[in-house]
Amino acid sequence: MALINRISRLFKADFHAVLDQIEEPEALLKQAIRDMEDDLASATQRINLCAHDQEALTVRKSELEDTVSEFGTKLDLCFESEKEDLARNIIRKRLETERLLKRLNAKQIANAKYLSEQRAMLDQNDSTLESLRQKAELFAQHVPVQTDGSTEFDDTAWIGREMTVAEDEVEIAFLREKNLRSAS
């Protein structure tokens, strides 16, 4: 069982190494920016819809407040005309309208809170996107391309340059080791 796990890990590592060689950092960065732009466009659309709903709630709330005030004059007329049954119906409608108005107020407050949170998040994400764009611009300007087509940020090229040891470095290290051992 341990042998199968080790072989499986080996294949995964080889597969990931191949993927690392295929991936291009600049292309990945551009795709991340495009994805973020799409997300921001979607968030902006949601915010616009929410703002439209907020305006509609304000209009509906104003209409209901006008209706509640009209009930007062209708009730005055009913009591002057001694129409108690009609007055009861108007009171029922006024109570229902007041409840609806109360629910609309609560919904408007919740919607305003959600809208402000979403706008703050959009501003933050917009600044993050702008920062990514600037970094991508710098990355595109400062990636020197080698003659073999690799870049300075190419993992295998970097490892090759860092792992190369010159003969004089070997000689100096050899002499140090020899001095250390002869001194002791």
Protein backbone atom coordinates (compact mmCIF):
# COMPACT_ATOMS: atom_id res chain seq x y z
CA MET A 1 0.00 0.00 0.00
CA ALA A 2 2.84 2.42 0.83
CA LEU A 3 4.42 1.67 -2.55
CA ILE A 4 1.19 2.61 -4.35
CA ASN A 5 0.97 5.87 -2.39
CA ARG A 6 4.57 6.73 -3.20
CA ILE A 7 4.07 6.00 -6.91
CA SER A 8 0.87 8.02 -6.90
CA ARG A 9 2.69 10.95 -5.27
CA LEU A 10 5.45 10.66 -7.86
CA PHE A 11 2.97 10.83 -10.76
CA LYS A 12 1.22 13.80 -9.17
CA ALA A 13 4.51 15.61 -8.71
CA ASP A 14 5.50 14.93 -12.32
CA PHE A 15 2.10 16.08 -13.54
CA HIS A 16 2.31 19.29 -11.50
CA ALA A 17 5.83 19.91 -12.81
CA VAL A 18 4.52 19.62 -16.38
CA LEU A 19 1.69 22.05 -15.58
CA ASP A 20 4.17 24.48 -14.04
CA GLN A 21 6.18 24.39 -17.27
CA ILE A 22 3.06 24.99 -19.40
CA GLU A 23 1.66 27.88 -17.37
CA GLU A 24 2.71 31.36 -18.31
CA PRO A 25 2.65 33.84 -15.41
CA GLU A 26 1.77 36.78 -17.64
CA ALA A 27 -1.18 34.93 -19.21
CA LEU A 28 -2.39 33.80 -15.78
CA LEU A 29 -2.18 37.37 -14.48
CA LYS A 30 -4.13 38.70 -17.47
CA GLN A 31 -6.80 36.04 -16.96
CA ALA A 32 -7.05 36.89 -13.26
CA ILE A 33 -7.54 40.55 -14.18
CA ARG A 34 -10.25 39.63 -16.72
CA ASP A 35 -12.01 37.47 -14.12
CA MET A 36 -11.86 40.27 -11.58
CA GLU A 37 -13.21 42.76 -14.14
CA ASP A 38 -16.13 40.40 -14.84
CA ASP A 39 -16.81 40.06 -11.11
CA LEU A 40 -16.73 43.85 -10.70
CA ALA A 41 -19.13 44.31 -13.62
CA SER A 42 -21.49 41.78 -12.05
CA ALA A 43 -21.23 43.48 -8.65
CA THR A 44 -21.89 46.87 -10.25
CA GLN A 45 -24.99 45.47 -11.92
CA ARG A 46 -26.24 44.06 -8.59
CA ILE A 47 -25.61 47.42 -6.91
CA ASN A 48 -27.50 49.25 -9.65
CA LEU A 49 -30.46 46.87 -9.27
CA CYS A 50 -30.38 47.32 -5.51
CA ALA A 51 -30.28 51.12 -5.90
CA HIS A 52 -33.25 50.91 -8.27
CA ASP A 53 -35.12 48.80 -5.70
CA GLN A 54 -34.27 51.39 -3.05
CA GLU A 55 -35.76 54.15 -5.20
CA ALA A 56 -38.89 52.06 -5.83
CA LEU A 57 -39.24 51.44 -2.08
CA THR A 58 -38.98 55.18 -1.42
CA VAL A 59 -41.71 55.93 -3.97
CA ARG A 60 -43.98 53.17 -2.61
CA LYS A 61 -43.38 54.38 0.96
CA SER A 62 -44.36 57.92 -0.03
CA GLU A 63 -47.53 56.64 -1.70
CA LEU A 64 -48.49 54.66 1.40
CA GLU A 65 -47.87 57.65 3.69
CA ASP A 66 -50.20 59.72 1.48
CA THR A 67 -52.80 56.95 1.65
CA VAL A 68 -52.60 56.83 5.46
CA SER A 69 -53.18 60.59 5.66
CA GLU A 70 -56.19 60.26 3.30
CA PHE A 71 -57.71 57.68 5.64
CA GLY A 72 -57.85 60.38 8.33
CA THR A 73 -60.05 62.65 6.22
CA LYS A 74 -62.24 59.70 5.17
CA LEU A 75 -62.69 58.71 8.80
CA ASP A 76 -63.71 62.26 9.69
CA LEU A 77 -66.34 62.14 6.95
CA CYS A 78 -67.62 58.70 8.09
CA PHE A 79 -68.00 59.83 11.71
CA GLU A 80 -69.76 63.04 10.66
CA SER A 81 -72.17 60.96 8.56
CA GLU A 82 -72.54 58.36 11.34
CA LYS A 83 -71.39 55.50 9.08
CA GLU A 84 -69.68 53.30 11.67
CA ASP A 85 -69.48 50.19 9.44
CA LEU A 86 -67.73 52.18 6.74
CA ALA A 87 -65.44 53.72 9.40
CA ARG A 88 -64.48 50.22 10.63
CA ASN A 89 -63.54 49.18 7.06
CA ILE A 90 -61.43 52.31 6.63
CA ILE A 91 -59.74 51.70 9.99
CA ARG A 92 -58.97 48.11 8.91
CA LYS A 93 -57.45 49.38 5.65
CA ARG A 94 -55.46 52.04 7.53
CA LEU A 95 -54.07 49.42 9.95
CA GLU A 96 -53.14 47.14 7.06
CA THR A 97 -51.48 50.04 5.25
CA GLU A 98 -49.58 51.04 8.40
CA ARG A 99 -48.30 47.46 8.78
CA LEU A 100 -47.23 47.41 5.15
CA LEU A 101 -45.54 50.77 5.65
CA LYS A 102 -43.70 49.40 8.68
CA ARG A 103 -42.48 46.40 6.65
CA LEU A 104 -41.40 48.67 3.81
CA ASN A 105 -39.45 50.82 6.28
CA ALA A 106 -37.64 47.75 7.62
CA LYS A 107 -36.95 46.53 4.09
CA GLN A 108 -35.69 49.95 3.05
CA ILE A 109 -33.32 50.13 6.03
CA ALA A 110 -31.98 46.63 5.35
CA ASN A 111 -31.63 47.44 1.65
CA ALA A 112 -29.76 50.67 2.42
CA LYS A 113 -27.36 48.81 4.71
CA TYR A 114 -26.76 46.11 2.09
CA LEU A 115 -26.27 48.76 -0.58
CA SER A 116 -23.69 50.66 1.45
CA GLU A 117 -21.79 47.43 2.26
CA GLN A 118 -21.77 46.39 -1.39
CA ARG A 119 -20.58 49.82 -2.51
CA ALA A 120 -17.75 49.73 0.03
CA MET A 121 -16.78 46.24 -1.12
CA LEU A 122 -16.93 47.37 -4.75
CA ASP A 123 -14.65 50.31 -4.00
CA GLN A 124 -12.19 48.02 -2.24
CA ASN A 125 -12.24 45.47 -5.07
CA ASP A 126 -11.90 48.24 -7.63
CA SER A 127 -8.75 49.53 -5.91
CA THR A 128 -7.40 45.98 -5.73
CA LEU A 129 -8.04 45.56 -9.45
CA GLU A 130 -6.27 48.83 -10.20
CA SER A 131 -3.30 47.64 -8.14
CA LEU A 132 -3.24 44.35 -10.07
CA ARG A 133 -3.36 46.24 -13.36
CA GLN A 134 -0.38 48.34 -12.31
CA LYS A 135 1.56 45.25 -11.23
CA ALA A 136 0.72 43.52 -14.50
CA GLU A 137 1.92 46.56 -16.39
CA LEU A 138 5.19 46.54 -14.44
CA PHE A 139 5.53 42.80 -14.95
CA ALA A 140 5.01 43.18 -18.71
CA GLN A 141 7.62 45.95 -18.88
CA HIS A 142 10.30 44.26 -16.77
CA VAL A 143 10.29 40.65 -17.88
CA PRO A 144 13.51 40.23 -19.85
CA VAL A 145 13.26 37.50 -22.44
CA GLN A 146 16.28 35.24 -22.88
CA THR A 147 17.51 34.11 -26.28
CA ASP A 148 16.01 30.65 -25.76
CA GLY A 149 12.52 32.16 -25.22
CA SER A 150 12.51 31.74 -21.44
CA THR A 151 12.07 34.68 -19.11
CA GLU A 152 14.01 35.77 -16.06
CA PHE A 153 11.13 34.43 -13.97
CA ASP A 154 11.18 31.01 -15.58
CA ASP A 155 11.64 28.53 -12.72
CA THR A 156 13.87 26.07 -14.52
CA ALA A 157 16.10 28.77 -16.04
CA TRP A 158 16.49 30.39 -12.62
CA ILE A 159 17.39 27.09 -11.01
CA GLY A 160 19.93 26.39 -13.74
CA ARG A 161 21.65 29.76 -13.22
CA GLU A 162 21.65 29.45 -9.44
CA MET A 163 22.88 25.86 -9.40
CA THR A 164 25.87 26.41 -11.69
CA VAL A 165 29.09 26.46 -9.66
CA ALA A 166 32.30 27.77 -11.22
CA GLU A 167 35.61 25.94 -10.89
CA ASP A 168 37.24 28.77 -8.91
CA GLU A 169 34.41 28.60 -6.36
CA VAL A 170 35.10 24.88 -5.96
CA GLU A 171 38.83 25.54 -5.49
CA ILE A 172 38.24 28.26 -2.87
CA ALA A 173 35.82 26.05 -0.94
CA PHE A 174 38.30 23.17 -1.18
CA LEU A 175 41.13 25.31 0.24
CA ARG A 176 38.90 26.52 3.11
CA GLU A 177 37.96 22.96 4.00
CA LYS A 178 41.61 21.88 3.80
CA ASN A 179 42.69 24.74 6.11
CA LEU A 180 39.93 23.95 8.60
CA ARG A 181 40.94 20.32 8.79
CA SER A 182 44.67 21.00 9.03
CA ALA A 183 44.14 23.56 11.81
CA SER A 184 42.29 21.08 14.01
